[in-house]
Amino acid sequence: MPAAANRTRCASCGRALTFADWTRGRPLCDACARPLAALRRELEAPGPAPADDPAAFERILDSVPDALIDELVAALEAEAARLDQANPVVGVLAELDLGRTPRERQWAAWGFAAGFALNVGIAKWAQVASGAPVTDFIVPILVGGVIAGAACAAIGWGLARLRQPA
């Protein structure tokens, strides 16, 4: 029950909301809502667009509280960091400039195909030489093919990168 007794806080500054604001469902206190309401009125008022009137644009920027701007910037930076951390492979690939040209992609694809085919050939030779059923060699063929293909794709990409005109 103590959690129910706590008053709702302002979404911008964190101060406790008045009962009237809380019952109306307002997420901001009066001090934070006033500049936003003035900004809304100014934007809805007919007149020159802020791009046409630099003074109006400056008034709009001055009316937004610094705390709100700081909060928005922090939220955008957190979102950008979250997106960057979501897939670390993307950051590494972007740093390497992997596959930026059609030539690099083509050489990498041919390298993967050659590595995979070479692995399948070696595994098939081992299967025939040992007399074992093919079912015993399916997993090594597939896993080894992917590993050999990836290694040969990296070699093909590197060769394409070396042969690129500077």
Protein backbone atom coordinates (compact mmCIF):
# COMPACT_ATOMS: atom_id res chain seq x y z
CA MET A 1 0.00 0.00 0.00
CA PRO A 2 2.86 2.48 0.53
CA ALA A 3 3.55 2.43 -3.22
CA ALA A 4 -0.02 3.59 -3.88
CA ALA A 5 0.46 6.56 -1.54
CA ASN A 6 3.37 7.93 -3.60
CA ARG A 7 2.44 10.80 -5.87
CA THR A 8 3.22 10.77 -9.54
CA ARG A 9 6.28 12.71 -10.59
CA CYS A 10 6.76 15.16 -13.45
CA ALA A 11 8.18 13.43 -16.52
CA SER A 12 10.57 16.32 -17.16
CA CYS A 13 11.91 17.55 -13.83
CA GLY A 14 10.86 14.80 -11.40
CA ARG A 15 8.89 17.04 -8.99
CA ALA A 16 5.68 15.69 -7.46
CA LEU A 17 2.57 16.59 -9.46
CA THR A 18 -0.36 18.35 -7.86
CA PHE A 19 -3.54 16.34 -7.38
CA ALA A 20 -5.30 18.35 -10.10
CA ASP A 21 -2.54 17.64 -12.62
CA TRP A 22 -2.41 14.00 -11.60
CA THR A 23 -6.19 13.49 -11.97
CA ARG A 24 -6.17 15.19 -15.41
CA GLY A 25 -3.45 12.78 -16.48
CA ARG A 26 -0.89 15.51 -17.16
CA PRO A 27 2.65 14.08 -17.15
CA LEU A 28 4.27 17.50 -16.53
CA CYS A 29 4.15 19.97 -13.66
CA ASP A 30 3.02 23.57 -14.29
CA ALA A 31 6.59 24.88 -14.49
CA CYS A 32 7.49 22.42 -17.24
CA ALA A 33 4.12 22.55 -19.05
CA ARG A 34 3.99 26.36 -19.35
CA PRO A 35 6.89 26.75 -21.84
CA LEU A 36 5.61 23.83 -23.89
CA ALA A 37 2.09 25.29 -23.98
CA ALA A 38 3.52 28.64 -25.11
CA LEU A 39 5.53 26.87 -27.77
CA ARG A 40 2.42 25.01 -28.95
CA ARG A 41 0.43 28.27 -29.12
CA GLU A 42 3.22 29.96 -31.05
CA LEU A 43 3.48 27.09 -33.50
CA GLU A 44 -0.28 26.98 -34.03
CA ALA A 45 -0.60 30.75 -34.42
CA PRO A 46 -0.81 31.99 -37.99
CA GLY A 47 2.16 33.99 -39.13
CA PRO A 48 5.49 33.58 -40.79
CA ALA A 49 7.19 30.23 -40.42
CA PRO A 50 10.19 30.16 -38.08
CA ALA A 51 12.45 29.58 -41.07
CA ASP A 52 11.22 32.88 -42.54
CA ASP A 53 11.51 34.78 -39.27
CA PRO A 54 14.79 34.14 -37.39
CA ALA A 55 13.53 36.00 -34.31
CA ALA A 56 10.54 33.62 -34.02
CA PHE A 57 12.87 30.67 -34.33
CA GLU A 58 15.08 32.02 -31.54
CA ARG A 59 12.01 32.62 -29.34
CA ILE A 60 10.92 29.03 -29.87
CA LEU A 61 14.36 27.71 -28.95
CA ASP A 62 14.55 29.98 -25.91
CA SER A 63 11.15 28.81 -24.68
CA VAL A 64 12.21 25.14 -24.51
CA PRO A 65 13.70 24.36 -21.08
CA ASP A 66 17.36 23.32 -21.07
CA ALA A 67 16.52 20.31 -18.92
CA LEU A 68 14.17 19.05 -21.63
CA ILE A 69 16.79 19.52 -24.35
CA ASP A 70 19.39 17.72 -22.21
CA GLU A 71 16.95 14.88 -21.60
CA LEU A 72 16.19 14.55 -25.33
CA VAL A 73 19.89 14.56 -26.23
CA ALA A 74 20.61 11.91 -23.58
CA ALA A 75 17.76 9.74 -24.89
CA LEU A 76 19.01 10.03 -28.47
CA GLU A 77 22.57 9.19 -27.44
CA ALA A 78 21.35 6.18 -25.43
CA GLU A 79 19.34 4.95 -28.41
CA ALA A 80 22.34 5.36 -30.73
CA ALA A 81 24.56 3.47 -28.28
CA ARG A 82 21.93 0.72 -27.97
CA LEU A 83 21.77 0.34 -31.74
CA ASP A 84 25.56 0.23 -32.00
CA GLN A 85 25.78 -2.41 -29.27
CA ALA A 86 22.92 -4.48 -30.68
CA ASN A 87 25.15 -6.07 -33.30
CA PRO A 88 28.90 -5.75 -32.75
CA VAL A 89 29.59 -7.55 -36.06
CA VAL A 90 28.11 -4.59 -37.95
CA GLY A 91 30.62 -2.25 -36.32
CA VAL A 92 33.54 -4.50 -37.23
CA LEU A 93 32.31 -4.89 -40.82
CA ALA A 94 31.85 -1.14 -41.15
CA GLU A 95 35.37 -0.58 -39.83
CA LEU A 96 36.81 -3.06 -42.34
CA ASP A 97 34.74 -1.66 -45.22
CA LEU A 98 33.81 -5.26 -46.00
CA GLY A 99 32.05 -5.79 -49.30
CA ARG A 100 31.90 -2.14 -50.34
CA THR A 101 32.50 -2.85 -54.02
CA PRO A 102 30.88 -5.42 -56.34
CA ARG A 103 34.32 -6.87 -57.04
CA GLU A 104 34.91 -7.63 -53.35
CA ARG A 105 31.51 -9.28 -52.99
CA GLN A 106 32.04 -11.34 -56.14
CA TRP A 107 35.49 -12.56 -55.11
CA ALA A 108 34.25 -13.38 -51.61
CA ALA A 109 31.29 -15.34 -53.04
CA TRP A 110 33.55 -17.32 -55.40
CA GLY A 111 35.97 -17.93 -52.52
CA PHE A 112 33.15 -19.28 -50.34
CA ALA A 113 31.91 -21.53 -53.14
CA ALA A 114 35.43 -22.86 -53.83
CA GLY A 115 36.14 -23.52 -50.15
CA PHE A 116 32.83 -25.27 -49.63
CA ALA A 117 33.31 -27.41 -52.77
CA LEU A 118 36.87 -28.32 -51.81
CA ASN A 119 35.70 -29.41 -48.35
CA VAL A 120 32.88 -31.50 -49.84
CA GLY A 121 35.36 -33.16 -52.20
CA ILE A 122 37.79 -34.01 -49.41
CA ALA A 123 34.99 -35.30 -47.16
CA LYS A 124 33.57 -37.42 -49.99
CA TRP A 125 37.02 -38.87 -50.69
CA ALA A 126 37.39 -39.71 -46.96
CA GLN A 127 33.94 -41.31 -46.93
CA VAL A 128 34.65 -43.46 -50.00
CA ALA A 129 38.12 -44.43 -48.73
CA SER A 130 36.77 -45.47 -45.33
CA GLY A 131 33.70 -47.26 -46.67
CA ALA A 132 31.48 -45.52 -44.10
CA PRO A 133 27.91 -44.54 -44.96
CA VAL A 134 27.33 -40.97 -46.16
CA THR A 135 25.09 -40.30 -43.14
CA ASP A 136 28.18 -40.41 -40.91
CA PHE A 137 29.75 -37.61 -42.97
CA ILE A 138 26.79 -35.19 -43.37
CA VAL A 139 27.58 -33.04 -40.34
CA PRO A 140 31.33 -32.81 -41.07
CA ILE A 141 30.56 -31.97 -44.70
CA LEU A 142 28.21 -29.12 -43.78
CA VAL A 143 30.13 -27.68 -40.82
CA GLY A 144 33.49 -28.06 -42.49
CA GLY A 145 32.07 -26.60 -45.70
CA VAL A 146 30.86 -23.49 -43.93
CA ILE A 147 34.18 -23.04 -42.11
CA ALA A 148 36.27 -23.66 -45.22
CA GLY A 149 33.93 -21.46 -47.26
CA ALA A 150 34.23 -18.61 -44.76
CA ALA A 151 38.02 -18.89 -44.75
CA CYS A 152 38.19 -18.92 -48.54
CA ALA A 153 35.70 -16.03 -48.73
CA ALA A 154 38.02 -14.00 -46.49
CA ILE A 155 40.95 -14.90 -48.73
CA GLY A 156 38.98 -13.94 -51.85
CA TRP A 157 37.92 -10.64 -50.28
CA GLY A 158 41.52 -9.91 -49.30
CA LEU A 159 42.77 -10.64 -52.81
CA ALA A 160 40.11 -8.39 -54.31
CA ARG A 161 41.06 -5.69 -51.84
CA LEU A 162 44.74 -5.99 -52.77
CA ARG A 163 44.01 -5.84 -56.49
CA GLN A 164 41.86 -2.71 -56.18
CA PRO A 165 43.29 0.33 -57.90
CA ALA A 166 44.29 2.94 -55.34
